[in-house]
Amino acid sequence: MLIPWAWTVFFSIVAYTLYSYFGQRVGGSETAWRAATIPFTDWVNFGLILSGTVAFSLALFYGGRASTFAVTVVIALGVVVSFAFAAVVGGAAVKPMHLGGLALILSGIVCLR
């Protein structure tokens, strides 16, 4: 039962890292139309979104084999991964209150498991 959770966590980290990198590459679009069509204007952007979606699907697949709360767990892991990406790559400030929030999210994931 532990192996599906390990794959769920791994693929969630991959998916949200790719999504975060895509967001960093294309952030600040001038119009809604430009934001909607940006994945189709560059092969790298399209590859990031496609690969992230495949990883997200695999995370849900393996999570669904382990628990009925797979969607909740994957989305919660997405918050943690996005925060870590912002802190490491984007240089976002990490405050004790943020770490407390992450601890609550992670403890909630453990309780759902």
PDB file of N, CA and C in Angstrom:
ATOM      1  N   MET A   1       0.817  -1.201   0.000  1.00  0.00           N
ATOM      2  CA  MET A   1       0.000   0.000   0.000  1.00  0.00           C
ATOM      3  C   MET A   1       0.859   1.262   0.000  1.00  0.00           C
ATOM      4  N   LEU A   2       2.106   1.133   0.419  1.00  0.00           N
ATOM      5  CA  LEU A   2       2.992   2.292   0.473  1.00  0.00           C
ATOM      6  C   LEU A   2       3.500   2.686  -0.914  1.00  0.00           C
ATOM      7  N   ILE A   3       3.656   1.719  -1.797  1.00  0.00           N
ATOM      8  CA  ILE A   3       4.191   2.002  -3.130  1.00  0.00           C
ATOM      9  C   ILE A   3       3.282   2.938  -3.929  1.00  0.00           C
ATOM     10  N   PRO A   4       1.970   2.748  -3.981  1.00  0.00           N
ATOM     11  CA  PRO A   4       1.146   3.718  -4.716  1.00  0.00           C
ATOM     12  C   PRO A   4       1.267   5.136  -4.156  1.00  0.00           C
ATOM     13  N   TRP A   5       1.417   5.269  -2.836  1.00  0.00           N
ATOM     14  CA  TRP A   5       1.579   6.605  -2.261  1.00  0.00           C
ATOM     15  C   TRP A   5       2.913   7.224  -2.659  1.00  0.00           C
ATOM     16  N   ALA A   6       3.941   6.407  -2.728  1.00  0.00           N
ATOM     17  CA  ALA A   6       5.241   6.928  -3.144  1.00  0.00           C
ATOM     18  C   ALA A   6       5.179   7.450  -4.575  1.00  0.00           C
ATOM     19  N   TRP A   7       4.527   6.690  -5.460  1.00  0.00           N
ATOM     20  CA  TRP A   7       4.362   7.151  -6.842  1.00  0.00           C
ATOM     21  C   TRP A   7       3.480   8.388  -6.916  1.00  0.00           C
ATOM     22  N   THR A   8       2.463   8.449  -6.093  1.00  0.00           N
ATOM     23  CA  THR A   8       1.581   9.623  -6.064  1.00  0.00           C
ATOM     24  C   THR A   8       2.374  10.864  -5.683  1.00  0.00           C
ATOM     25  N   VAL A   9       3.173  10.767  -4.643  1.00  0.00           N
ATOM     26  CA  VAL A   9       3.978  11.909  -4.207  1.00  0.00           C
ATOM     27  C   VAL A   9       4.990  12.280  -5.288  1.00  0.00           C
ATOM     28  N   PHE A  10       5.669  11.303  -5.865  1.00  0.00           N
ATOM     29  CA  PHE A  10       6.665  11.575  -6.893  1.00  0.00           C
ATOM     30  C   PHE A  10       6.045  12.291  -8.097  1.00  0.00           C
ATOM     31  N   PHE A  11       4.961  11.745  -8.627  1.00  0.00           N
ATOM     32  CA  PHE A  11       4.351  12.346  -9.811  1.00  0.00           C
ATOM     33  C   PHE A  11       3.696  13.694  -9.502  1.00  0.00           C
ATOM     34  N   SER A  12       3.227  13.892  -8.284  1.00  0.00           N
ATOM     35  CA  SER A  12       2.697  15.204  -7.893  1.00  0.00           C
ATOM     36  C   SER A  12       3.803  16.246  -7.884  1.00  0.00           C
ATOM     37  N   ILE A  13       4.953  15.880  -7.348  1.00  0.00           N
ATOM     38  CA  ILE A  13       6.088  16.809  -7.326  1.00  0.00           C
ATOM     39  C   ILE A  13       6.513  17.153  -8.752  1.00  0.00           C
ATOM     40  N   VAL A  14       6.600  16.158  -9.608  1.00  0.00           N
ATOM     41  CA  VAL A  14       6.989  16.408 -11.002  1.00  0.00           C
ATOM     42  C   VAL A  14       5.972  17.319 -11.680  1.00  0.00           C
ATOM     43  N   ALA A  15       4.683  17.004 -11.534  1.00  0.00           N
ATOM     44  CA  ALA A  15       3.641  17.781 -12.211  1.00  0.00           C
ATOM     45  C   ALA A  15       3.647  19.239 -11.773  1.00  0.00           C
ATOM     46  N   TYR A  16       3.652  19.472 -10.487  1.00  0.00           N
ATOM     47  CA  TYR A  16       3.569  20.857 -10.012  1.00  0.00           C
ATOM     48  C   TYR A  16       4.879  21.627 -10.215  1.00  0.00           C
ATOM     49  N   THR A  17       5.996  20.930 -10.283  1.00  0.00           N
ATOM     50  CA  THR A  17       7.239  21.613 -10.629  1.00  0.00           C
ATOM     51  C   THR A  17       7.193  22.076 -12.085  1.00  0.00           C
ATOM     52  N   LEU A  18       6.706  21.227 -12.964  1.00  0.00           N
ATOM     53  CA  LEU A  18       6.568  21.615 -14.371  1.00  0.00           C
ATOM     54  C   LEU A  18       5.562  22.752 -14.536  1.00  0.00           C
ATOM     55  N   TYR A  19       4.446  22.676 -13.837  1.00  0.00           N
ATOM     56  CA  TYR A  19       3.447  23.759 -13.914  1.00  0.00           C
ATOM     57  C   TYR A  19       4.025  25.073 -13.387  1.00  0.00           C
ATOM     58  N   SER A  20       4.775  24.999 -12.297  1.00  0.00           N
ATOM     59  CA  SER A  20       5.361  26.212 -11.723  1.00  0.00           C
ATOM     60  C   SER A  20       6.399  26.811 -12.656  1.00  0.00           C
ATOM     61  N   TYR A  21       7.199  25.969 -13.274  1.00  0.00           N
ATOM     62  CA  TYR A  21       8.196  26.461 -14.223  1.00  0.00           C
ATOM     63  C   TYR A  21       7.523  27.101 -15.436  1.00  0.00           C
ATOM     64  N   PHE A  22       6.461  26.476 -15.918  1.00  0.00           N
ATOM     65  CA  PHE A  22       5.695  27.062 -17.018  1.00  0.00           C
ATOM     66  C   PHE A  22       5.160  28.432 -16.627  1.00  0.00           C
ATOM     67  N   GLY A  23       4.605  28.541 -15.442  1.00  0.00           N
ATOM     68  CA  GLY A  23       4.084  29.817 -14.966  1.00  0.00           C
ATOM     69  C   GLY A  23       5.162  30.879 -14.858  1.00  0.00           C
ATOM     70  N   GLN A  24       6.346  30.469 -14.464  1.00  0.00           N
ATOM     71  CA  GLN A  24       7.445  31.425 -14.369  1.00  0.00           C
ATOM     72  C   GLN A  24       7.900  31.865 -15.761  1.00  0.00           C
ATOM     73  N   ARG A  25       7.887  30.952 -16.713  1.00  0.00           N
ATOM     74  CA  ARG A  25       8.310  31.290 -18.077  1.00  0.00           C
ATOM     75  C   ARG A  25       7.362  32.263 -18.765  1.00  0.00           C
ATOM     76  N   VAL A  26       6.068  32.100 -18.533  1.00  0.00           N
ATOM     77  CA  VAL A  26       5.095  32.851 -19.330  1.00  0.00           C
ATOM     78  C   VAL A  26       4.266  33.823 -18.500  1.00  0.00           C
ATOM     79  N   GLY A  27       4.612  34.031 -17.255  1.00  0.00           N
ATOM     80  CA  GLY A  27       3.827  34.917 -16.396  1.00  0.00           C
ATOM     81  C   GLY A  27       3.765  36.337 -16.931  1.00  0.00           C
ATOM     82  N   GLY A  28       2.703  37.021 -16.611  1.00  0.00           N
ATOM     83  CA  GLY A  28       2.559  38.417 -16.995  1.00  0.00           C
ATOM     84  C   GLY A  28       2.032  38.626 -18.396  1.00  0.00           C
ATOM     85  N   SER A  29       1.136  37.756 -18.855  1.00  0.00           N
ATOM     86  CA  SER A  29       0.545  37.948 -20.182  1.00  0.00           C
ATOM     87  C   SER A  29      -0.292  39.215 -20.202  1.00  0.00           C
ATOM     88  N   GLU A  30      -0.263  39.895 -21.347  1.00  0.00           N
ATOM     89  CA  GLU A  30      -0.946  41.178 -21.466  1.00  0.00           C
ATOM     90  C   GLU A  30      -2.465  41.029 -21.561  1.00  0.00           C
ATOM     91  N   THR A  31      -2.934  39.980 -22.220  1.00  0.00           N
ATOM     92  CA  THR A  31      -4.377  39.804 -22.417  1.00  0.00           C
ATOM     93  C   THR A  31      -4.772  38.378 -22.046  1.00  0.00           C
ATOM     94  N   ALA A  32      -6.064  38.182 -21.847  1.00  0.00           N
ATOM     95  CA  ALA A  32      -6.570  36.841 -21.544  1.00  0.00           C
ATOM     96  C   ALA A  32      -6.373  35.919 -22.744  1.00  0.00           C
ATOM     97  N   TRP A  33      -6.524  36.432 -23.948  1.00  0.00           N
ATOM     98  CA  TRP A  33      -6.327  35.630 -25.149  1.00  0.00           C
ATOM     99  C   TRP A  33      -4.881  35.135 -25.234  1.00  0.00           C
ATOM    100  N   ARG A  34      -3.951  35.999 -24.944  1.00  0.00           N
ATOM    101  CA  ARG A  34      -2.531  35.625 -24.976  1.00  0.00           C
ATOM    102  C   ARG A  34      -2.236  34.564 -23.917  1.00  0.00           C
ATOM    103  N   ALA A  35      -2.805  34.717 -22.749  1.00  0.00           N
ATOM    104  CA  ALA A  35      -2.591  33.739 -21.682  1.00  0.00           C
ATOM    105  C   ALA A  35      -3.166  32.372 -22.064  1.00  0.00           C
ATOM    106  N   ALA A  36      -4.296  32.374 -22.761  1.00  0.00           N
ATOM    107  CA  ALA A  36      -4.932  31.109 -23.148  1.00  0.00           C
ATOM    108  C   ALA A  36      -4.199  30.406 -24.283  1.00  0.00           C
ATOM    109  N   THR A  37      -3.541  31.172 -25.142  1.00  0.00           N
ATOM    110  CA  THR A  37      -2.894  30.566 -26.308  1.00  0.00           C
ATOM    111  C   THR A  37      -1.393  30.358 -26.147  1.00  0.00           C
ATOM    112  N   ILE A  38      -0.821  30.817 -25.064  1.00  0.00           N
ATOM    113  CA  ILE A  38       0.637  30.711 -24.863  1.00  0.00           C
ATOM    114  C   ILE A  38       1.169  29.277 -24.922  1.00  0.00           C
ATOM    115  N   PRO A  39       0.463  28.258 -24.403  1.00  0.00           N
ATOM    116  CA  PRO A  39       1.019  26.905 -24.506  1.00  0.00           C
ATOM    117  C   PRO A  39       1.182  26.427 -25.947  1.00  0.00           C
ATOM    118  N   PHE A  40       0.468  27.029 -26.873  1.00  0.00           N
ATOM    119  CA  PHE A  40       0.498  26.565 -28.254  1.00  0.00           C
ATOM    120  C   PHE A  40       1.427  27.385 -29.146  1.00  0.00           C
ATOM    121  N   THR A  41       2.143  28.339 -28.578  1.00  0.00           N
ATOM    122  CA  THR A  41       3.013  29.196 -29.374  1.00  0.00           C
ATOM    123  C   THR A  41       4.475  28.771 -29.337  1.00  0.00           C
ATOM    124  N   ASP A  42       4.815  27.875 -28.443  1.00  0.00           N
ATOM    125  CA  ASP A  42       6.210  27.461 -28.282  1.00  0.00           C
ATOM    126  C   ASP A  42       6.233  25.992 -27.889  1.00  0.00           C
ATOM    127  N   TRP A  43       7.121  25.225 -28.476  1.00  0.00           N
ATOM    128  CA  TRP A  43       7.199  23.797 -28.179  1.00  0.00           C
ATOM    129  C   TRP A  43       7.597  23.526 -26.731  1.00  0.00           C
ATOM    130  N   VAL A  44       8.435  24.368 -26.171  1.00  0.00           N
ATOM    131  CA  VAL A  44       8.848  24.164 -24.779  1.00  0.00           C
ATOM    132  C   VAL A  44       7.654  24.361 -23.847  1.00  0.00           C
ATOM    133  N   ASN A  45       6.898  25.426 -24.070  1.00  0.00           N
ATOM    134  CA  ASN A  45       5.711  25.669 -23.242  1.00  0.00           C
ATOM    135  C   ASN A  45       4.707  24.531 -23.381  1.00  0.00           C
ATOM    136  N   PHE A  46       4.490  24.091 -24.612  1.00  0.00           N
ATOM    137  CA  PHE A  46       3.556  22.986 -24.838  1.00  0.00           C
ATOM    138  C   PHE A  46       4.049  21.714 -24.150  1.00  0.00           C
ATOM    139  N   GLY A  47       5.360  21.449 -24.235  1.00  0.00           N
ATOM    140  CA  GLY A  47       5.930  20.271 -23.590  1.00  0.00           C
ATOM    141  C   GLY A  47       5.815  20.312 -22.075  1.00  0.00           C
ATOM    142  N   LEU A  48       5.990  21.504 -21.496  1.00  0.00           N
ATOM    143  CA  LEU A  48       5.843  21.638 -20.040  1.00  0.00           C
ATOM    144  C   LEU A  48       4.413  21.327 -19.600  1.00  0.00           C
ATOM    145  N   ILE A  49       3.443  21.886 -20.313  1.00  0.00           N
ATOM    146  CA  ILE A  49       2.046  21.647 -19.952  1.00  0.00           C
ATOM    147  C   ILE A  49       1.662  20.189 -20.192  1.00  0.00           C
ATOM    148  N   LEU A  50       2.062  19.641 -21.330  1.00  0.00           N
ATOM    149  CA  LEU A  50       1.726  18.248 -21.635  1.00  0.00           C
ATOM    150  C   LEU A  50       2.366  17.287 -20.638  1.00  0.00           C
ATOM    151  N   SER A  51       3.653  17.470 -20.355  1.00  0.00           N
ATOM    152  CA  SER A  51       4.341  16.597 -19.402  1.00  0.00           C
ATOM    153  C   SER A  51       3.773  16.744 -17.993  1.00  0.00           C
ATOM    154  N   GLY A  52       3.454  17.972 -17.607  1.00  0.00           N
ATOM    155  CA  GLY A  52       2.846  18.189 -16.298  1.00  0.00           C
ATOM    156  C   GLY A  52       1.490  17.517 -16.178  1.00  0.00           C
ATOM    157  N   THR A  53       0.721  17.563 -17.254  1.00  0.00           N
ATOM    158  CA  THR A  53      -0.600  16.932 -17.238  1.00  0.00           C
ATOM    159  C   THR A  53      -0.488  15.412 -17.177  1.00  0.00           C
ATOM    160  N   VAL A  54       0.477  14.849 -17.881  1.00  0.00           N
ATOM    161  CA  VAL A  54       0.704  13.397 -17.809  1.00  0.00           C
ATOM    162  C   VAL A  54       1.118  13.002 -16.390  1.00  0.00           C
ATOM    163  N   ALA A  55       2.028  13.760 -15.792  1.00  0.00           N
ATOM    164  CA  ALA A  55       2.460  13.460 -14.425  1.00  0.00           C
ATOM    165  C   ALA A  55       1.307  13.612 -13.432  1.00  0.00           C
ATOM    166  N   PHE A  56       0.471  14.646 -13.625  1.00  0.00           N
ATOM    167  CA  PHE A  56      -0.691  14.842 -12.759  1.00  0.00           C
ATOM    168  C   PHE A  56      -1.652  13.654 -12.885  1.00  0.00           C
ATOM    169  N   SER A  57      -1.870  13.192 -14.105  1.00  0.00           N
ATOM    170  CA  SER A  57      -2.752  12.041 -14.324  1.00  0.00           C
ATOM    171  C   SER A  57      -2.200  10.785 -13.668  1.00  0.00           C
ATOM    172  N   LEU A  58      -0.893  10.579 -13.778  1.00  0.00           N
ATOM    173  CA  LEU A  58      -0.288   9.416 -13.131  1.00  0.00           C
ATOM    174  C   LEU A  58      -0.375   9.514 -11.608  1.00  0.00           C
ATOM    175  N   ALA A  59      -0.218  10.721 -11.081  1.00  0.00           N
ATOM    176  CA  ALA A  59      -0.364  10.906  -9.629  1.00  0.00           C
ATOM    177  C   ALA A  59      -1.777  10.534  -9.190  1.00  0.00           C
ATOM    178  N   LEU A  60      -2.766  10.951  -9.957  1.00  0.00           N
ATOM    179  CA  LEU A  60      -4.156  10.601  -9.618  1.00  0.00           C
ATOM    180  C   LEU A  60      -4.415   9.107  -9.785  1.00  0.00           C
ATOM    181  N   PHE A  61      -3.818   8.514 -10.802  1.00  0.00           N
ATOM    182  CA  PHE A  61      -3.994   7.079 -11.022  1.00  0.00           C
ATOM    183  C   PHE A  61      -3.469   6.278  -9.836  1.00  0.00           C
ATOM    184  N   TYR A  62      -2.218   6.540  -9.455  1.00  0.00           N
ATOM    185  CA  TYR A  62      -1.635   5.788  -8.334  1.00  0.00           C
ATOM    186  C   TYR A  62      -2.292   6.157  -7.010  1.00  0.00           C
ATOM    187  N   GLY A  63      -2.655   7.423  -6.841  1.00  0.00           N
ATOM    188  CA  GLY A  63      -3.344   7.822  -5.616  1.00  0.00           C
ATOM    189  C   GLY A  63      -4.705   7.170  -5.498  1.00  0.00           C
ATOM    190  N   GLY A  64      -5.397   7.040  -6.628  1.00  0.00           N
ATOM    191  CA  GLY A  64      -6.707   6.392  -6.624  1.00  0.00           C
ATOM    192  C   GLY A  64      -6.636   4.922  -6.253  1.00  0.00           C
ATOM    193  N   ARG A  65      -5.507   4.299  -6.508  1.00  0.00           N
ATOM    194  CA  ARG A  65      -5.327   2.895  -6.112  1.00  0.00           C
ATOM    195  C   ARG A  65      -5.124   2.759  -4.615  1.00  0.00           C
ATOM    196  N   ALA A  66      -4.683   3.843  -3.966  1.00  0.00           N
ATOM    197  CA  ALA A  66      -4.357   3.787  -2.542  1.00  0.00           C
ATOM    198  C   ALA A  66      -5.468   4.331  -1.658  1.00  0.00           C
ATOM    199  N   SER A  67      -6.253   5.293  -2.168  1.00  0.00           N
ATOM    200  CA  SER A  67      -7.242   5.950  -1.315  1.00  0.00           C
ATOM    201  C   SER A  67      -8.290   6.645  -2.175  1.00  0.00           C
ATOM    202  N   THR A  68      -9.430   6.890  -1.581  1.00  0.00           N
ATOM    203  CA  THR A  68     -10.469   7.646  -2.282  1.00  0.00           C
ATOM    204  C   THR A  68     -10.214   9.148  -2.189  1.00  0.00           C
ATOM    205  N   PHE A  69      -9.223   9.543  -1.406  1.00  0.00           N
ATOM    206  CA  PHE A  69      -8.893  10.957  -1.233  1.00  0.00           C
ATOM    207  C   PHE A  69      -7.735  11.388  -2.131  1.00  0.00           C
ATOM    208  N   ALA A  70      -7.521  10.711  -3.233  1.00  0.00           N
ATOM    209  CA  ALA A  70      -6.357  10.980  -4.084  1.00  0.00           C
ATOM    210  C   ALA A  70      -6.353  12.407  -4.613  1.00  0.00           C
ATOM    211  N   VAL A  71      -7.490  12.895  -5.058  1.00  0.00           N
ATOM    212  CA  VAL A  71      -7.544  14.251  -5.620  1.00  0.00           C
ATOM    213  C   VAL A  71      -7.160  15.281  -4.560  1.00  0.00           C
ATOM    214  N   THR A  72      -7.674  15.120  -3.367  1.00  0.00           N
ATOM    215  CA  THR A  72      -7.369  16.032  -2.275  1.00  0.00           C
ATOM    216  C   THR A  72      -5.884  16.006  -1.942  1.00  0.00           C
ATOM    217  N   VAL A  73      -5.301  14.838  -1.888  1.00  0.00           N
ATOM    218  CA  VAL A  73      -3.888  14.703  -1.553  1.00  0.00           C
ATOM    219  C   VAL A  73      -3.012  15.332  -2.632  1.00  0.00           C
ATOM    220  N   VAL A  74      -3.323  15.064  -3.900  1.00  0.00           N
ATOM    221  CA  VAL A  74      -2.509  15.596  -4.991  1.00  0.00           C
ATOM    222  C   VAL A  74      -2.580  17.124  -5.029  1.00  0.00           C
ATOM    223  N   ILE A  75      -3.752  17.684  -4.837  1.00  0.00           N
ATOM    224  CA  ILE A  75      -3.879  19.142  -4.844  1.00  0.00           C
ATOM    225  C   ILE A  75      -3.158  19.751  -3.640  1.00  0.00           C
ATOM    226  N   ALA A  76      -3.268  19.127  -2.478  1.00  0.00           N
ATOM    227  CA  ALA A  76      -2.550  19.630  -1.298  1.00  0.00           C
ATOM    228  C   ALA A  76      -1.043  19.557  -1.503  1.00  0.00           C
ATOM    229  N   LEU A  77      -0.572  18.488  -2.111  1.00  0.00           N
ATOM    230  CA  LEU A  77       0.856  18.398  -2.422  1.00  0.00           C
ATOM    231  C   LEU A  77       1.262  19.480  -3.419  1.00  0.00           C
ATOM    232  N   GLY A  78       0.351  19.845  -4.289  1.00  0.00           N
ATOM    233  CA  GLY A  78       0.622  20.919  -5.238  1.00  0.00           C
ATOM    234  C   GLY A  78       0.879  22.245  -4.555  1.00  0.00           C
ATOM    235  N   VAL A  79       0.150  22.509  -3.491  1.00  0.00           N
ATOM    236  CA  VAL A  79       0.369  23.742  -2.732  1.00  0.00           C
ATOM    237  C   VAL A  79       1.770  23.736  -2.116  1.00  0.00           C
ATOM    238  N   VAL A  80       2.153  22.605  -1.560  1.00  0.00           N
ATOM    239  CA  VAL A  80       3.469  22.485  -0.929  1.00  0.00           C
ATOM    240  C   VAL A  80       4.580  22.626  -1.968  1.00  0.00           C
ATOM    241  N   VAL A  81       4.437  21.952  -3.098  1.00  0.00           N
ATOM    242  CA  VAL A  81       5.466  22.012  -4.144  1.00  0.00           C
ATOM    243  C   VAL A  81       5.561  23.419  -4.730  1.00  0.00           C
ATOM    244  N   SER A  82       4.425  24.046  -4.966  1.00  0.00           N
ATOM    245  CA  SER A  82       4.440  25.410  -5.510  1.00  0.00           C
ATOM    246  C   SER A  82       5.098  26.384  -4.539  1.00  0.00           C
ATOM    247  N   PHE A  83       4.842  26.211  -3.249  1.00  0.00           N
ATOM    248  CA  PHE A  83       5.491  27.055  -2.248  1.00  0.00           C
ATOM    249  C   PHE A  83       7.000  26.840  -2.258  1.00  0.00           C
ATOM    250  N   ALA A  84       7.409  25.571  -2.292  1.00  0.00           N
ATOM    251  CA  ALA A  84       8.845  25.268  -2.305  1.00  0.00           C
ATOM    252  C   ALA A  84       9.502  25.821  -3.567  1.00  0.00           C
ATOM    253  N   PHE A  85       8.835  25.719  -4.701  1.00  0.00           N
ATOM    254  CA  PHE A  85       9.376  26.253  -5.953  1.00  0.00           C
ATOM    255  C   PHE A  85       9.536  27.761  -5.858  1.00  0.00           C
ATOM    256  N   ALA A  86       8.530  28.427  -5.312  1.00  0.00           N
ATOM    257  CA  ALA A  86       8.601  29.886  -5.169  1.00  0.00           C
ATOM    258  C   ALA A  86       9.729  30.290  -4.226  1.00  0.00           C
ATOM    259  N   ALA A  87       9.936  29.513  -3.173  1.00  0.00           N
ATOM    260  CA  ALA A  87      10.986  29.851  -2.213  1.00  0.00           C
ATOM    261  C   ALA A  87      12.377  29.582  -2.777  1.00  0.00           C
ATOM    262  N   VAL A  88      12.549  28.460  -3.464  1.00  0.00           N
ATOM    263  CA  VAL A  88      13.873  28.076  -3.946  1.00  0.00           C
ATOM    264  C   VAL A  88      14.231  28.812  -5.232  1.00  0.00           C
ATOM    265  N   VAL A  89      13.335  28.798  -6.202  1.00  0.00           N
ATOM    266  CA  VAL A  89      13.641  29.378  -7.510  1.00  0.00           C
ATOM    267  C   VAL A  89      13.293  30.863  -7.568  1.00  0.00           C
ATOM    268  N   GLY A  90      12.157  31.213  -7.003  1.00  0.00           N
ATOM    269  CA  GLY A  90      11.693  32.595  -7.094  1.00  0.00           C
ATOM    270  C   GLY A  90      12.192  33.513  -6.004  1.00  0.00           C
ATOM    271  N   GLY A  91      12.811  32.969  -4.989  1.00  0.00           N
ATOM    272  CA  GLY A  91      13.341  33.787  -3.912  1.00  0.00           C
ATOM    273  C   GLY A  91      12.272  34.370  -2.995  1.00  0.00           C
ATOM    274  N   ALA A  92      11.126  33.706  -2.891  1.00  0.00           N
ATOM    275  CA  ALA A  92      10.057  34.191  -2.021  1.00  0.00           C
ATOM    276  C   ALA A  92      10.471  34.080  -0.551  1.00  0.00           C
ATOM    277  N   ALA A  93       9.948  34.984   0.249  1.00  0.00           N
ATOM    278  CA  ALA A  93      10.258  34.984   1.679  1.00  0.00           C
ATOM    279  C   ALA A  93       9.555  33.812   2.366  1.00  0.00           C
ATOM    280  N   VAL A  94      10.272  33.163   3.262  1.00  0.00           N
ATOM    281  CA  VAL A  94       9.713  32.058   4.041  1.00  0.00           C
ATOM    282  C   VAL A  94       9.637  32.515   5.484  1.00  0.00           C
ATOM    283  N   LYS A  95       8.418  32.632   5.985  1.00  0.00           N
ATOM    284  CA  LYS A  95       8.192  33.086   7.356  1.00  0.00           C
ATOM    285  C   LYS A  95       7.691  31.922   8.207  1.00  0.00           C
ATOM    286  N   PRO A  96       7.814  32.030   9.518  1.00  0.00           N
ATOM    287  CA  PRO A  96       7.333  30.956  10.389  1.00  0.00           C
ATOM    288  C   PRO A  96       5.850  30.632  10.175  1.00  0.00           C
ATOM    289  N   MET A  97       5.055  31.653   9.884  1.00  0.00           N
ATOM    290  CA  MET A  97       3.630  31.417   9.643  1.00  0.00           C
ATOM    291  C   MET A  97       3.435  30.545   8.395  1.00  0.00           C
ATOM    292  N   HIS A  98       4.257  30.744   7.368  1.00  0.00           N
ATOM    293  CA  HIS A  98       4.173  29.926   6.168  1.00  0.00           C
ATOM    294  C   HIS A  98       4.529  28.475   6.471  1.00  0.00           C
ATOM    295  N   LEU A  99       5.575  28.293   7.256  1.00  0.00           N
ATOM    296  CA  LEU A  99       5.983  26.935   7.619  1.00  0.00           C
ATOM    297  C   LEU A  99       4.916  26.244   8.464  1.00  0.00           C
ATOM    298  N   GLY A 100       4.248  27.008   9.319  1.00  0.00           N
ATOM    299  CA  GLY A 100       3.141  26.446  10.096  1.00  0.00           C
ATOM    300  C   GLY A 100       2.005  25.995   9.204  1.00  0.00           C
ATOM    301  N   GLY A 101       1.697  26.782   8.185  1.00  0.00           N
ATOM    302  CA  GLY A 101       0.660  26.397   7.232  1.00  0.00           C
ATOM    303  C   GLY A 101       1.041  25.139   6.472  1.00  0.00           C
ATOM    304  N   LEU A 102       2.302  25.051   6.070  1.00  0.00           N
ATOM    305  CA  LEU A 102       2.764  23.843   5.383  1.00  0.00           C
ATOM    306  C   LEU A 102       2.686  22.625   6.293  1.00  0.00           C
ATOM    307  N   ALA A 103       3.016  22.807   7.564  1.00  0.00           N
ATOM    308  CA  ALA A 103       2.926  21.705   8.519  1.00  0.00           C
ATOM    309  C   ALA A 103       1.474  21.224   8.660  1.00  0.00           C
ATOM    310  N   LEU A 104       0.528  22.152   8.679  1.00  0.00           N
ATOM    311  CA  LEU A 104      -0.876  21.763   8.751  1.00  0.00           C
ATOM    312  C   LEU A 104      -1.315  21.011   7.503  1.00  0.00           C
ATOM    313  N   ILE A 105      -0.880  21.484   6.343  1.00  0.00           N
ATOM    314  CA  ILE A 105      -1.228  20.790   5.096  1.00  0.00           C
ATOM    315  C   ILE A 105      -0.656  19.372   5.085  1.00  0.00           C
ATOM    316  N   LEU A 106       0.616  19.242   5.423  1.00  0.00           N
ATOM    317  CA  LEU A 106       1.243  17.925   5.417  1.00  0.00           C
ATOM    318  C   LEU A 106       0.645  16.985   6.457  1.00  0.00           C
ATOM    319  N   SER A 107       0.282  17.519   7.631  1.00  0.00           N
ATOM    320  CA  SER A 107      -0.356  16.659   8.635  1.00  0.00           C
ATOM    321  C   SER A 107      -1.747  16.234   8.166  1.00  0.00           C
ATOM    322  N   GLY A 108      -2.435  17.113   7.452  1.00  0.00           N
ATOM    323  CA  GLY A 108      -3.726  16.730   6.885  1.00  0.00           C
ATOM    324  C   GLY A 108      -3.598  15.623   5.847  1.00  0.00           C
ATOM    325  N   ILE A 109      -2.539  15.675   5.049  1.00  0.00           N
ATOM    326  CA  ILE A 109      -2.304  14.621   4.063  1.00  0.00           C
ATOM    327  C   ILE A 109      -2.059  13.284   4.758  1.00  0.00           C
ATOM    328  N   VAL A 110      -1.255  13.321   5.818  1.00  0.00           N
ATOM    329  CA  VAL A 110      -0.965  12.096   6.551  1.00  0.00           C
ATOM    330  C   VAL A 110      -2.240  11.529   7.168  1.00  0.00           C
ATOM    331  N   CYS A 111      -3.100  12.389   7.676  1.00  0.00           N
ATOM    332  CA  CYS A 111      -4.358  11.917   8.276  1.00  0.00           C
ATOM    333  C   CYS A 111      -5.303  11.322   7.246  1.00  0.00           C
ATOM    334  N   LEU A 112      -5.313  11.862   6.013  1.00  0.00           N
ATOM    335  CA  LEU A 112      -6.179  11.319   4.965  1.00  0.00           C
ATOM    336  C   LEU A 112      -5.681   9.971   4.473  1.00  0.00           C
ATOM    337  N   ARG A 113      -4.407   9.798   4.498  1.00  0.00           N
ATOM    338  CA  ARG A 113      -3.798   8.581   3.976  1.00  0.00           C
ATOM    339  C   ARG A 113      -4.355   7.387   4.670  1.00  0.00           C
TER     340      ARG A 113
END
